[in-house]
Amino acid sequence: MAASKRTKSGDVGAGGKSSPKPRAKRDRSSESGAEHGPRGRRSTPLGGFGKQSAAALAAASRAITPVRGLLIAAVGCAALLGLSQFADYRGVAVGVEGYDDVISSVAPAPEVGRAELGTAHSYLMVPAALLAIAILAAAVASGRWRMCRLAALIGGAAVLVSFVVDRPAGLDEGELAQTFADAEAQLLGGFWMQVFAGIGLAATSLLLGAELRKGEPLRSSAGSPRQGRDGSRRERKRSTAARSGQRAKAAKPQEA
């Protein structure tokens, strides 16, 4: 036969040879979807750790409220104020004229006559710090936000004492100025420790009082337990009177 028989389209080529059928491409998207999960995301072993971290953060956010956080910060500042009394706040450097800027940056002039901060004001800030902690704890326990102002006053008093009493005493060379011709008094870290502790105590105490003040309307609306009992008694009396009135109204038509 002259004409080549045609079978299905694409089976026989021009040379009489059957052309190879193109292989169907594997659907990799479906395979990757099966491997990665229903949404195409590969499941990693960190998924459980992420859930645990989220649960821990949620529990921490519920436990650490603004009031508790500010209380911790205020108590920390008060404790720092008490500890600063045992740190050196002044020192007298001798032989300052023999040390230029380059030498003093590597080997500063020796210091003598160091003194603790508490010696300048008889360690009065130690009981003041303990009193501030007690005031803050009582304010949070009772909800009386005005008590936080007393703790803020203690912090302000610490800053005032630092610049009015401690600074002049710390910069006074005293007898060492007569012994050494080039003596220079310097303020050390204990002085600034007291200053920043007082500022922090005053700021955190005022913020704590503001947070406690926000919750005062809720406590005042709820009232004390005694007021709650009195209110419940009044409500019971009113309900009893209303029921007796309804019974009297219902009895009048029957009597008529």
Protein backbone atom coordinates (compact mmCIF):
# COMPACT_ATOMS: atom_id res chain seq x y z
CA MET A 1 0.00 0.00 0.00
CA ALA A 2 1.40 3.38 -1.00
CA ALA A 3 -0.06 5.31 1.76
CA SER A 4 1.09 4.52 5.21
CA LYS A 5 -1.60 3.57 7.50
CA ARG A 6 -2.30 6.05 10.12
CA THR A 7 -2.77 4.86 13.56
CA LYS A 8 -3.33 7.07 16.53
CA SER A 9 -2.04 10.61 16.13
CA GLY A 10 1.62 10.98 17.05
CA ASP A 11 2.37 7.24 17.06
CA VAL A 12 4.10 7.05 13.66
CA GLY A 13 6.55 9.63 12.45
CA ALA A 14 7.66 10.58 9.01
CA GLY A 15 10.31 7.87 8.80
CA GLY A 16 7.92 5.17 9.83
CA LYS A 17 9.33 5.03 13.30
CA SER A 18 7.23 5.68 16.29
CA SER A 19 8.16 8.85 18.12
CA PRO A 20 8.75 8.46 21.87
CA LYS A 21 6.02 9.78 24.02
CA PRO A 22 6.98 12.65 26.32
CA ARG A 23 7.21 11.55 29.89
CA ALA A 24 4.73 13.12 32.19
CA LYS A 25 6.41 15.45 34.68
CA ARG A 26 5.98 14.45 38.23
CA ASP A 27 3.94 16.81 40.22
CA ARG A 28 6.57 17.94 42.67
CA SER A 29 4.24 20.45 44.21
CA SER A 30 2.00 17.66 45.46
CA GLU A 31 5.00 15.73 46.76
CA SER A 32 6.41 18.79 48.48
CA GLY A 33 2.98 19.48 49.92
CA ALA A 34 2.86 15.96 51.28
CA GLU A 35 6.29 16.38 52.82
CA HIS A 36 5.74 19.88 54.14
CA GLY A 37 2.31 19.28 55.59
CA PRO A 38 -1.13 20.56 54.70
CA ARG A 39 -0.01 24.16 54.13
CA GLY A 40 3.28 23.43 52.42
CA ARG A 41 5.42 24.19 55.48
CA ARG A 42 8.06 21.78 56.58
CA SER A 43 7.48 20.58 60.10
CA THR A 44 10.55 21.17 62.26
CA PRO A 45 11.35 19.86 65.71
CA LEU A 46 11.40 23.48 66.99
CA GLY A 47 7.64 23.69 66.82
CA GLY A 48 7.20 22.24 70.29
CA PHE A 49 9.90 24.52 71.70
CA GLY A 50 8.15 27.55 70.20
CA LYS A 51 4.86 26.58 71.80
CA GLN A 52 6.55 26.11 75.17
CA SER A 53 8.26 29.49 74.86
CA ALA A 54 4.96 31.19 73.99
CA ALA A 55 3.26 29.52 76.94
CA ALA A 56 6.09 30.59 79.26
CA LEU A 57 5.91 34.18 78.03
CA ALA A 58 2.14 34.22 78.50
CA ALA A 59 2.49 32.91 82.05
CA ALA A 60 5.20 35.48 82.81
CA SER A 61 3.04 38.32 81.46
CA ARG A 62 0.20 37.23 83.71
CA ALA A 63 2.46 36.93 86.76
CA ILE A 64 4.48 40.15 86.28
CA THR A 65 1.87 42.89 86.35
CA PRO A 66 2.78 46.61 86.17
CA VAL A 67 2.27 46.94 89.92
CA ARG A 68 4.55 43.99 90.70
CA GLY A 69 7.19 45.15 88.24
CA LEU A 70 7.27 48.67 89.66
CA LEU A 71 7.35 47.28 93.19
CA ILE A 72 10.39 45.15 92.34
CA ALA A 73 12.10 48.16 90.74
CA ALA A 74 11.35 50.45 93.69
CA VAL A 75 12.53 47.88 96.25
CA GLY A 76 15.70 47.38 94.20
CA CYS A 77 16.41 51.12 94.24
CA ALA A 78 15.83 51.24 98.00
CA ALA A 79 18.20 48.29 98.50
CA LEU A 80 20.80 50.02 96.32
CA LEU A 81 20.42 53.13 98.45
CA GLY A 82 21.15 51.13 101.59
CA LEU A 83 24.14 49.35 100.07
CA SER A 84 25.66 52.60 98.80
CA GLN A 85 26.30 53.68 102.39
CA PHE A 86 29.08 51.11 102.68
CA ALA A 87 30.86 52.16 99.47
CA ASP A 88 33.68 54.72 99.30
CA TYR A 89 32.40 58.11 98.25
CA ARG A 90 35.53 60.27 98.47
CA GLY A 91 39.26 60.03 98.11
CA VAL A 92 42.16 62.50 98.12
CA ALA A 93 44.65 62.14 95.29
CA VAL A 94 48.18 63.30 96.14
CA GLY A 95 50.87 64.36 93.71
CA VAL A 96 48.37 65.40 91.04
CA GLU A 97 50.69 68.01 89.53
CA GLY A 98 53.27 65.35 88.68
CA TYR A 99 50.78 63.39 86.55
CA ASP A 100 49.76 64.75 83.18
CA ASP A 101 46.72 63.57 81.21
CA VAL A 102 48.59 60.76 79.43
CA ILE A 103 50.19 59.34 82.54
CA SER A 104 47.04 59.71 84.69
CA SER A 105 45.00 57.74 82.17
CA VAL A 106 47.36 54.76 82.62
CA ALA A 107 48.53 55.21 86.21
CA PRO A 108 46.50 57.82 88.13
CA ALA A 109 47.76 59.60 91.18
CA PRO A 110 47.54 57.56 94.39
CA GLU A 111 44.57 58.20 96.63
CA VAL A 112 44.59 58.48 100.39
CA GLY A 113 41.96 59.30 102.96
CA ARG A 114 39.16 57.24 101.47
CA ALA A 115 35.90 57.20 103.45
CA GLU A 116 32.58 55.37 103.26
CA LEU A 117 29.50 57.28 102.30
CA GLY A 118 27.68 56.53 105.52
CA THR A 119 30.29 58.36 107.59
CA ALA A 120 29.20 61.69 106.09
CA HIS A 121 25.68 61.48 107.56
CA SER A 122 25.97 58.79 110.28
CA TYR A 123 24.52 55.99 108.09
CA LEU A 124 21.03 57.49 108.31
CA MET A 125 20.15 56.29 104.82
CA VAL A 126 20.28 52.63 105.88
CA PRO A 127 17.17 52.81 108.13
CA ALA A 128 15.61 55.20 105.60
CA ALA A 129 15.99 52.57 102.87
CA LEU A 130 14.47 49.88 105.09
CA LEU A 131 11.58 52.23 105.92
CA ALA A 132 10.99 52.87 102.22
CA ILE A 133 10.78 49.12 101.54
CA ALA A 134 8.26 48.67 104.36
CA ILE A 135 6.17 51.60 103.09
CA LEU A 136 6.09 50.25 99.54
CA ALA A 137 5.06 46.78 100.71
CA ALA A 138 2.29 48.23 102.90
CA ALA A 139 1.06 50.43 100.04
CA VAL A 140 0.73 47.49 97.65
CA ALA A 141 -0.87 45.25 100.28
CA SER A 142 -3.46 47.85 101.36
CA GLY A 143 -3.92 49.60 98.02
CA ARG A 144 -3.24 53.04 99.54
CA TRP A 145 -1.43 54.76 96.73
CA ARG A 146 -0.71 57.91 98.77
CA MET A 147 1.78 55.95 100.88
CA CYS A 148 4.03 55.73 97.85
CA ARG A 149 4.62 59.46 98.16
CA LEU A 150 6.43 58.86 101.44
CA ALA A 151 8.84 56.48 99.72
CA ALA A 152 9.32 59.07 96.96
CA LEU A 153 10.15 61.66 99.62
CA ILE A 154 12.82 59.36 101.02
CA GLY A 155 14.37 59.10 97.56
CA GLY A 156 14.26 62.86 97.11
CA ALA A 157 15.80 63.33 100.55
CA ALA A 158 18.68 61.04 99.57
CA VAL A 159 19.41 63.17 96.50
CA LEU A 160 19.19 66.36 98.56
CA VAL A 161 21.55 65.01 101.23
CA SER A 162 23.98 63.95 98.51
CA PHE A 163 24.45 67.46 97.15
CA VAL A 164 23.94 69.48 100.34
CA VAL A 165 25.88 67.38 102.87
CA ASP A 166 27.95 64.69 101.15
CA ARG A 167 29.37 66.66 98.23
CA PRO A 168 30.89 69.50 100.29
CA ALA A 169 32.28 66.98 102.77
CA GLY A 170 33.69 64.84 100.00
CA LEU A 171 35.49 67.70 98.26
CA ASP A 172 37.13 68.94 101.44
CA GLU A 173 40.78 67.84 101.68
CA GLY A 174 40.94 68.68 105.38
CA GLU A 175 44.27 68.00 107.06
CA LEU A 176 45.65 66.26 103.98
CA ALA A 177 45.85 69.63 102.21
CA GLN A 178 48.36 70.72 104.83
CA THR A 179 50.36 67.50 104.61
CA PHE A 180 50.49 67.34 100.80
CA ALA A 181 50.93 70.46 98.74
CA ASP A 182 49.21 69.11 95.62
CA ALA A 183 46.32 67.13 97.18
CA GLU A 184 42.97 67.05 95.38
CA ALA A 185 39.73 65.58 96.75
CA GLN A 186 37.60 63.53 94.35
CA LEU A 187 34.12 62.04 94.50
CA LEU A 188 34.01 58.28 93.95
CA GLY A 189 31.37 55.80 92.84
CA GLY A 190 29.57 55.56 96.18
CA PHE A 191 28.42 59.16 95.91
CA TRP A 192 26.88 58.69 92.47
CA MET A 193 25.45 55.35 93.55
CA GLN A 194 23.42 57.14 96.23
CA VAL A 195 22.31 59.88 93.82
CA PHE A 196 20.97 57.53 91.16
CA ALA A 197 19.42 55.21 93.75
CA GLY A 198 17.51 58.15 95.24
CA ILE A 199 16.32 59.31 91.82
CA GLY A 200 15.22 55.79 90.90
CA LEU A 201 13.42 55.32 94.21
CA ALA A 202 11.51 58.59 93.81
CA ALA A 203 10.53 57.88 90.18
CA THR A 204 9.46 54.27 90.65
CA SER A 205 7.52 55.09 93.83
CA LEU A 206 5.51 57.78 92.04
CA LEU A 207 4.81 55.45 89.11
CA LEU A 208 3.75 52.71 91.50
CA GLY A 209 1.36 55.11 93.22
CA ALA A 210 -0.13 56.02 89.84
CA GLU A 211 -0.74 52.35 89.02
CA LEU A 212 -2.35 51.73 92.41
CA ARG A 213 -4.54 54.80 91.92
CA LYS A 214 -5.93 53.33 88.69
CA GLY A 215 -7.33 50.36 90.59
CA GLU A 216 -8.87 52.47 93.39
CA PRO A 217 -12.27 53.04 91.68
CA LEU A 218 -12.72 49.28 91.34
CA ARG A 219 -12.00 48.74 95.04
CA SER A 220 -14.21 51.67 96.10
CA SER A 221 -17.10 50.43 93.98
CA ALA A 222 -16.77 46.98 95.47
CA GLY A 223 -16.62 48.48 98.99
CA SER A 224 -15.47 46.90 102.18
CA PRO A 225 -16.82 43.50 103.31
CA ARG A 226 -18.93 45.21 105.93
CA GLN A 227 -20.47 47.54 103.37
CA GLY A 228 -21.12 44.54 101.16
CA ARG A 229 -22.95 42.76 103.95
CA ASP A 230 -24.99 45.89 104.73
CA GLY A 231 -25.87 46.28 101.08
CA SER A 232 -26.98 42.66 100.80
CA ARG A 233 -29.18 43.11 103.87
CA ARG A 234 -30.80 46.17 102.35
CA GLU A 235 -31.44 44.30 99.13
CA ARG A 236 -33.05 41.42 101.02
CA LYS A 237 -35.28 43.87 102.94
CA ARG A 238 -36.34 45.58 99.72
CA SER A 239 -37.13 42.28 98.03
CA THR A 240 -39.12 41.13 101.08
CA ALA A 241 -41.11 44.39 101.14
CA ALA A 242 -41.79 44.11 97.42
CA ARG A 243 -43.07 40.55 97.80
CA SER A 244 -45.32 41.49 100.72
CA GLY A 245 -46.74 44.36 98.68
CA GLN A 246 -47.48 42.07 95.76
CA ARG A 247 -49.23 39.62 98.07
CA ALA A 248 -51.34 42.42 99.57
CA LYS A 249 -52.39 43.58 96.11
CA ALA A 250 -53.26 40.03 95.13
CA ALA A 251 -55.32 39.57 98.32
CA LYS A 252 -57.47 42.74 97.83
CA PRO A 253 -59.48 41.46 94.83
CA GLN A 254 -60.21 38.20 96.66
CA GLU A 255 -61.52 40.08 99.75
CA ALA A 256 -63.70 42.29 97.53
